[in-house]
Amino acid sequence: MASSTTTVEKKLSWPELVGTKGEEAVAAIMKENPSLKAHTLPEGSFVTFDLRHDRVRVYTNEQGVVTSAPKIG
């Protein structure tokens, strides 16, 4: 008996969230993929360079608006 499998494409970035409020972007990312840990950071923040497949950094400006496409890493 043959079984069919479906491949679910996981997103790696969320360019559609640029211009939205940071906390709304975090909520949308985590709703879409609960296994991710998304959090906001001020743009220009110093961060580590380690690659983590469960982390999404959401960079925001002083008004709390997303300034670049959040991505996994």
PDB file of N, CA and C in Angstrom:
ATOM      1  N   MET A   1       0.844  -1.163   0.000  1.00  0.00           N
ATOM      2  CA  MET A   1       0.000   0.000   0.000  1.00  0.00           C
ATOM      3  C   MET A   1       0.897   1.236   0.000  1.00  0.00           C
ATOM      4  N   ALA A   2       0.713   2.072  -0.968  1.00  0.00           N
ATOM      5  CA  ALA A   2       1.518   3.281  -1.079  1.00  0.00           C
ATOM      6  C   ALA A   2       0.922   4.379  -0.203  1.00  0.00           C
ATOM      7  N   SER A   3       1.797   5.114   0.415  1.00  0.00           N
ATOM      8  CA  SER A   3       1.323   6.233   1.230  1.00  0.00           C
ATOM      9  C   SER A   3       1.746   7.533   0.576  1.00  0.00           C
ATOM     10  N   SER A   4       0.918   8.515   0.711  1.00  0.00           N
ATOM     11  CA  SER A   4       1.285   9.811   0.162  1.00  0.00           C
ATOM     12  C   SER A   4       1.781  10.691   1.300  1.00  0.00           C
ATOM     13  N   THR A   5       2.773  11.475   1.001  1.00  0.00           N
ATOM     14  CA  THR A   5       3.288  12.400   2.000  1.00  0.00           C
ATOM     15  C   THR A   5       3.183  13.804   1.441  1.00  0.00           C
ATOM     16  N   THR A   6       2.960  14.734   2.307  1.00  0.00           N
ATOM     17  CA  THR A   6       2.936  16.123   1.892  1.00  0.00           C
ATOM     18  C   THR A   6       4.083  16.846   2.559  1.00  0.00           C
ATOM     19  N   THR A   7       4.662  17.747   1.845  1.00  0.00           N
ATOM     20  CA  THR A   7       5.750  18.532   2.381  1.00  0.00           C
ATOM     21  C   THR A   7       5.209  19.910   2.737  1.00  0.00           C
ATOM     22  N   VAL A   8       5.371  20.276   3.972  1.00  0.00           N
ATOM     23  CA  VAL A   8       4.952  21.596   4.415  1.00  0.00           C
ATOM     24  C   VAL A   8       6.178  22.492   4.391  1.00  0.00           C
ATOM     25  N   GLU A   9       6.101  23.527   3.597  1.00  0.00           N
ATOM     26  CA  GLU A   9       7.217  24.458   3.508  1.00  0.00           C
ATOM     27  C   GLU A   9       7.211  25.364   4.736  1.00  0.00           C
ATOM     28  N   LYS A  10       8.309  25.387   5.437  1.00  0.00           N
ATOM     29  CA  LYS A  10       8.461  26.273   6.588  1.00  0.00           C
ATOM     30  C   LYS A  10       9.073  27.578   6.098  1.00  0.00           C
ATOM     31  N   LYS A  11       8.510  28.672   6.553  1.00  0.00           N
ATOM     32  CA  LYS A  11       9.043  29.973   6.168  1.00  0.00           C
ATOM     33  C   LYS A  11      10.359  30.231   6.882  1.00  0.00           C
ATOM     34  N   LEU A  12      11.242  30.921   6.204  1.00  0.00           N
ATOM     35  CA  LEU A  12      12.522  31.310   6.781  1.00  0.00           C
ATOM     36  C   LEU A  12      12.572  32.799   7.094  1.00  0.00           C
ATOM     37  N   SER A  13      11.678  33.574   6.468  1.00  0.00           N
ATOM     38  CA  SER A  13      11.635  35.009   6.736  1.00  0.00           C
ATOM     39  C   SER A  13      10.210  35.515   6.533  1.00  0.00           C
ATOM     40  N   TRP A  14       9.952  36.700   7.068  1.00  0.00           N
ATOM     41  CA  TRP A  14       8.624  37.288   7.050  1.00  0.00           C
ATOM     42  C   TRP A  14       8.688  38.732   6.561  1.00  0.00           C
ATOM     43  N   PRO A  15       8.982  38.968   5.279  1.00  0.00           N
ATOM     44  CA  PRO A  15       9.086  40.334   4.772  1.00  0.00           C
ATOM     45  C   PRO A  15       7.769  41.104   4.856  1.00  0.00           C
ATOM     46  N   GLU A  16       6.660  40.389   4.872  1.00  0.00           N
ATOM     47  CA  GLU A  16       5.360  41.053   4.945  1.00  0.00           C
ATOM     48  C   GLU A  16       5.117  41.750   6.286  1.00  0.00           C
ATOM     49  N   LEU A  17       5.960  41.475   7.290  1.00  0.00           N
ATOM     50  CA  LEU A  17       5.791  42.086   8.607  1.00  0.00           C
ATOM     51  C   LEU A  17       6.534  43.412   8.769  1.00  0.00           C
ATOM     52  N   VAL A  18       7.341  43.784   7.784  1.00  0.00           N
ATOM     53  CA  VAL A  18       8.018  45.089   7.843  1.00  0.00           C
ATOM     54  C   VAL A  18       6.949  46.173   7.853  1.00  0.00           C
ATOM     55  N   GLY A  19       7.062  47.099   8.803  1.00  0.00           N
ATOM     56  CA  GLY A  19       6.098  48.181   8.923  1.00  0.00           C
ATOM     57  C   GLY A  19       5.022  47.930   9.964  1.00  0.00           C
ATOM     58  N   THR A  20       4.958  46.704  10.498  1.00  0.00           N
ATOM     59  CA  THR A  20       3.986  46.398  11.543  1.00  0.00           C
ATOM     60  C   THR A  20       4.620  46.621  12.914  1.00  0.00           C
ATOM     61  N   LYS A  21       3.826  46.614  13.957  1.00  0.00           N
ATOM     62  CA  LYS A  21       4.334  46.736  15.321  1.00  0.00           C
ATOM     63  C   LYS A  21       5.117  45.472  15.671  1.00  0.00           C
ATOM     64  N   GLY A  22       6.217  45.631  16.380  1.00  0.00           N
ATOM     65  CA  GLY A  22       7.094  44.511  16.714  1.00  0.00           C
ATOM     66  C   GLY A  22       6.399  43.395  17.469  1.00  0.00           C
ATOM     67  N   GLU A  23       5.612  43.732  18.484  1.00  0.00           N
ATOM     68  CA  GLU A  23       4.936  42.694  19.273  1.00  0.00           C
ATOM     69  C   GLU A  23       3.893  41.953  18.447  1.00  0.00           C
ATOM     70  N   GLU A  24       3.240  42.657  17.508  1.00  0.00           N
ATOM     71  CA  GLU A  24       2.300  41.995  16.604  1.00  0.00           C
ATOM     72  C   GLU A  24       3.038  41.031  15.679  1.00  0.00           C
ATOM     73  N   ALA A  25       4.221  41.423  15.231  1.00  0.00           N
ATOM     74  CA  ALA A  25       5.031  40.563  14.368  1.00  0.00           C
ATOM     75  C   ALA A  25       5.460  39.308  15.121  1.00  0.00           C
ATOM     76  N   VAL A  26       5.910  39.479  16.366  1.00  0.00           N
ATOM     77  CA  VAL A  26       6.311  38.324  17.187  1.00  0.00           C
ATOM     78  C   VAL A  26       5.135  37.369  17.346  1.00  0.00           C
ATOM     79  N   ALA A  27       3.965  37.911  17.662  1.00  0.00           N
ATOM     80  CA  ALA A  27       2.778  37.070  17.851  1.00  0.00           C
ATOM     81  C   ALA A  27       2.420  36.315  16.567  1.00  0.00           C
ATOM     82  N   ALA A  28       2.506  36.993  15.419  1.00  0.00           N
ATOM     83  CA  ALA A  28       2.175  36.363  14.142  1.00  0.00           C
ATOM     84  C   ALA A  28       3.149  35.231  13.823  1.00  0.00           C
ATOM     85  N   ILE A  29       4.432  35.455  14.061  1.00  0.00           N
ATOM     86  CA  ILE A  29       5.454  34.441  13.781  1.00  0.00           C
ATOM     87  C   ILE A  29       5.234  33.217  14.674  1.00  0.00           C
ATOM     88  N   MET A  30       5.019  33.451  15.955  1.00  0.00           N
ATOM     89  CA  MET A  30       4.868  32.334  16.887  1.00  0.00           C
ATOM     90  C   MET A  30       3.545  31.609  16.697  1.00  0.00           C
ATOM     91  N   LYS A  31       2.518  32.303  16.216  1.00  0.00           N
ATOM     92  CA  LYS A  31       1.245  31.637  15.902  1.00  0.00           C
ATOM     93  C   LYS A  31       1.428  30.723  14.695  1.00  0.00           C
ATOM     94  N   GLU A  32       2.170  31.215  13.714  1.00  0.00           N
ATOM     95  CA  GLU A  32       2.409  30.441  12.495  1.00  0.00           C
ATOM     96  C   GLU A  32       3.296  29.225  12.761  1.00  0.00           C
ATOM     97  N   ASN A  33       4.282  29.391  13.642  1.00  0.00           N
ATOM     98  CA  ASN A  33       5.201  28.296  13.947  1.00  0.00           C
ATOM     99  C   ASN A  33       5.556  28.340  15.437  1.00  0.00           C
ATOM    100  N   PRO A  34       4.767  27.658  16.273  1.00  0.00           N
ATOM    101  CA  PRO A  34       4.976  27.705  17.725  1.00  0.00           C
ATOM    102  C   PRO A  34       6.322  27.159  18.200  1.00  0.00           C
ATOM    103  N   SER A  35       7.041  26.454  17.349  1.00  0.00           N
ATOM    104  CA  SER A  35       8.336  25.920  17.768  1.00  0.00           C
ATOM    105  C   SER A  35       9.433  26.991  17.735  1.00  0.00           C
ATOM    106  N   LEU A  36       9.127  28.166  17.189  1.00  0.00           N
ATOM    107  CA  LEU A  36      10.103  29.249  17.125  1.00  0.00           C
ATOM    108  C   LEU A  36      10.021  30.135  18.362  1.00  0.00           C
ATOM    109  N   LYS A  37      11.145  30.748  18.683  1.00  0.00           N
ATOM    110  CA  LYS A  37      11.216  31.738  19.754  1.00  0.00           C
ATOM    111  C   LYS A  37      11.533  33.077  19.094  1.00  0.00           C
ATOM    112  N   ALA A  38      10.521  33.914  18.976  1.00  0.00           N
ATOM    113  CA  ALA A  38      10.700  35.224  18.356  1.00  0.00           C
ATOM    114  C   ALA A  38      10.725  36.293  19.434  1.00  0.00           C
ATOM    115  N   HIS A  39      11.552  37.305  19.240  1.00  0.00           N
ATOM    116  CA  HIS A  39      11.613  38.411  20.192  1.00  0.00           C
ATOM    117  C   HIS A  39      12.054  39.683  19.479  1.00  0.00           C
ATOM    118  N   THR A  40      11.686  40.821  20.055  1.00  0.00           N
ATOM    119  CA  THR A  40      12.045  42.103  19.459  1.00  0.00           C
ATOM    120  C   THR A  40      13.370  42.606  20.012  1.00  0.00           C
ATOM    121  N   LEU A  41      14.059  43.347  19.165  1.00  0.00           N
ATOM    122  CA  LEU A  41      15.317  44.005  19.524  1.00  0.00           C
ATOM    123  C   LEU A  41      15.342  45.365  18.850  1.00  0.00           C
ATOM    124  N   PRO A  42      15.933  46.361  19.508  1.00  0.00           N
ATOM    125  CA  PRO A  42      16.101  47.653  18.824  1.00  0.00           C
ATOM    126  C   PRO A  42      17.051  47.491  17.633  1.00  0.00           C
ATOM    127  N   GLU A  43      16.717  48.151  16.516  1.00  0.00           N
ATOM    128  CA  GLU A  43      17.611  48.060  15.355  1.00  0.00           C
ATOM    129  C   GLU A  43      18.994  48.558  15.751  1.00  0.00           C
ATOM    130  N   GLY A  44      20.014  47.900  15.235  1.00  0.00           N
ATOM    131  CA  GLY A  44      21.389  48.254  15.567  1.00  0.00           C
ATOM    132  C   GLY A  44      21.922  47.585  16.819  1.00  0.00           C
ATOM    133  N   SER A  45      21.119  46.714  17.430  1.00  0.00           N
ATOM    134  CA  SER A  45      21.562  46.023  18.651  1.00  0.00           C
ATOM    135  C   SER A  45      22.730  45.093  18.356  1.00  0.00           C
ATOM    136  N   PHE A  46      23.624  44.973  19.332  1.00  0.00           N
ATOM    137  CA  PHE A  46      24.690  43.988  19.236  1.00  0.00           C
ATOM    138  C   PHE A  46      24.105  42.630  19.572  1.00  0.00           C
ATOM    139  N   VAL A  47      24.391  41.638  18.737  1.00  0.00           N
ATOM    140  CA  VAL A  47      23.881  40.282  18.948  1.00  0.00           C
ATOM    141  C   VAL A  47      24.992  39.282  18.690  1.00  0.00           C
ATOM    142  N   THR A  48      24.794  38.068  19.181  1.00  0.00           N
ATOM    143  CA  THR A  48      25.753  37.002  18.908  1.00  0.00           C
ATOM    144  C   THR A  48      25.589  36.542  17.461  1.00  0.00           C
ATOM    145  N   PHE A  49      26.597  35.908  16.926  1.00  0.00           N
ATOM    146  CA  PHE A  49      26.556  35.451  15.543  1.00  0.00           C
ATOM    147  C   PHE A  49      26.255  33.964  15.418  1.00  0.00           C
ATOM    148  N   ASP A  50      25.875  33.332  16.525  1.00  0.00           N
ATOM    149  CA  ASP A  50      25.552  31.916  16.449  1.00  0.00           C
ATOM    150  C   ASP A  50      24.249  31.721  15.679  1.00  0.00           C
ATOM    151  N   LEU A  51      24.195  30.660  14.888  1.00  0.00           N
ATOM    152  CA  LEU A  51      23.019  30.346  14.086  1.00  0.00           C
ATOM    153  C   LEU A  51      22.115  29.411  14.870  1.00  0.00           C
ATOM    154  N   ARG A  52      20.880  29.834  15.090  1.00  0.00           N
ATOM    155  CA  ARG A  52      19.908  29.010  15.796  1.00  0.00           C
ATOM    156  C   ARG A  52      18.676  28.877  14.920  1.00  0.00           C
ATOM    157  N   HIS A  53      18.271  27.650  14.682  1.00  0.00           N
ATOM    158  CA  HIS A  53      17.140  27.380  13.799  1.00  0.00           C
ATOM    159  C   HIS A  53      15.798  27.534  14.493  1.00  0.00           C
ATOM    160  N   ASP A  54      15.818  27.924  15.764  1.00  0.00           N
ATOM    161  CA  ASP A  54      14.561  28.119  16.491  1.00  0.00           C
ATOM    162  C   ASP A  54      14.384  29.576  16.930  1.00  0.00           C
ATOM    163  N   ARG A  55      15.221  30.481  16.419  1.00  0.00           N
ATOM    164  CA  ARG A  55      15.191  31.872  16.863  1.00  0.00           C
ATOM    165  C   ARG A  55      14.857  32.805  15.695  1.00  0.00           C
ATOM    166  N   VAL A  56      14.008  33.773  15.999  1.00  0.00           N
ATOM    167  CA  VAL A  56      13.710  34.829  15.040  1.00  0.00           C
ATOM    168  C   VAL A  56      13.893  36.158  15.756  1.00  0.00           C
ATOM    169  N   ARG A  57      14.759  36.982  15.218  1.00  0.00           N
ATOM    170  CA  ARG A  57      14.970  38.318  15.771  1.00  0.00           C
ATOM    171  C   ARG A  57      14.131  39.306  14.965  1.00  0.00           C
ATOM    172  N   VAL A  58      13.367  40.111  15.681  1.00  0.00           N
ATOM    173  CA  VAL A  58      12.507  41.105  15.050  1.00  0.00           C
ATOM    174  C   VAL A  58      13.060  42.477  15.436  1.00  0.00           C
ATOM    175  N   TYR A  59      13.684  43.153  14.479  1.00  0.00           N
ATOM    176  CA  TYR A  59      14.305  44.452  14.750  1.00  0.00           C
ATOM    177  C   TYR A  59      13.283  45.571  14.584  1.00  0.00           C
ATOM    178  N   THR A  60      13.231  46.450  15.594  1.00  0.00           N
ATOM    179  CA  THR A  60      12.271  47.541  15.585  1.00  0.00           C
ATOM    180  C   THR A  60      12.962  48.887  15.775  1.00  0.00           C
ATOM    181  N   ASN A  61      12.289  49.952  15.327  1.00  0.00           N
ATOM    182  CA  ASN A  61      12.803  51.302  15.531  1.00  0.00           C
ATOM    183  C   ASN A  61      12.284  51.845  16.866  1.00  0.00           C
ATOM    184  N   GLU A  62      12.532  53.127  17.119  1.00  0.00           N
ATOM    185  CA  GLU A  62      12.134  53.728  18.395  1.00  0.00           C
ATOM    186  C   GLU A  62      10.626  53.737  18.608  1.00  0.00           C
ATOM    187  N   GLN A  63       9.859  53.656  17.528  1.00  0.00           N
ATOM    188  CA  GLN A  63       8.409  53.623  17.628  1.00  0.00           C
ATOM    189  C   GLN A  63       7.870  52.193  17.773  1.00  0.00           C
ATOM    190  N   GLY A  64       8.765  51.204  17.784  1.00  0.00           N
ATOM    191  CA  GLY A  64       8.352  49.811  17.920  1.00  0.00           C
ATOM    192  C   GLY A  64       7.894  49.172  16.628  1.00  0.00           C
ATOM    193  N   VAL A  65       8.260  49.770  15.507  1.00  0.00           N
ATOM    194  CA  VAL A  65       7.847  49.280  14.188  1.00  0.00           C
ATOM    195  C   VAL A  65       8.974  48.439  13.590  1.00  0.00           C
ATOM    196  N   VAL A  66       8.620  47.312  12.984  1.00  0.00           N
ATOM    197  CA  VAL A  66       9.582  46.400  12.369  1.00  0.00           C
ATOM    198  C   VAL A  66      10.257  47.102  11.189  1.00  0.00           C
ATOM    199  N   THR A  67      11.604  47.081  11.193  1.00  0.00           N
ATOM    200  CA  THR A  67      12.367  47.821  10.174  1.00  0.00           C
ATOM    201  C   THR A  67      13.019  46.937   9.116  1.00  0.00           C
ATOM    202  N   SER A  68      13.133  45.645   9.387  1.00  0.00           N
ATOM    203  CA  SER A  68      13.703  44.728   8.396  1.00  0.00           C
ATOM    204  C   SER A  68      12.996  43.388   8.535  1.00  0.00           C
ATOM    205  N   ALA A  69      13.048  42.593   7.480  1.00  0.00           N
ATOM    206  CA  ALA A  69      12.329  41.327   7.464  1.00  0.00           C
ATOM    207  C   ALA A  69      12.853  40.395   8.555  1.00  0.00           C
ATOM    208  N   PRO A  70      11.991  40.003   9.498  1.00  0.00           N
ATOM    209  CA  PRO A  70      12.422  39.011  10.491  1.00  0.00           C
ATOM    210  C   PRO A  70      12.797  37.711   9.793  1.00  0.00           C
ATOM    211  N   LYS A  71      13.855  37.070  10.275  1.00  0.00           N
ATOM    212  CA  LYS A  71      14.264  35.795   9.666  1.00  0.00           C
ATOM    213  C   LYS A  71      14.814  34.850  10.713  1.00  0.00           C
ATOM    214  N   ILE A  72      14.753  33.575  10.400  1.00  0.00           N
ATOM    215  CA  ILE A  72      15.265  32.541  11.305  1.00  0.00           C
ATOM    216  C   ILE A  72      16.787  32.636  11.332  1.00  0.00           C
ATOM    217  N   GLY A  73      17.335  32.471  12.495  1.00  0.00           N
ATOM    218  CA  GLY A  73      18.783  32.491  12.619  1.00  0.00           C
ATOM    219  C   GLY A  73      19.168  32.952  13.943  1.00  0.00           C
TER     220      GLY A  73
END
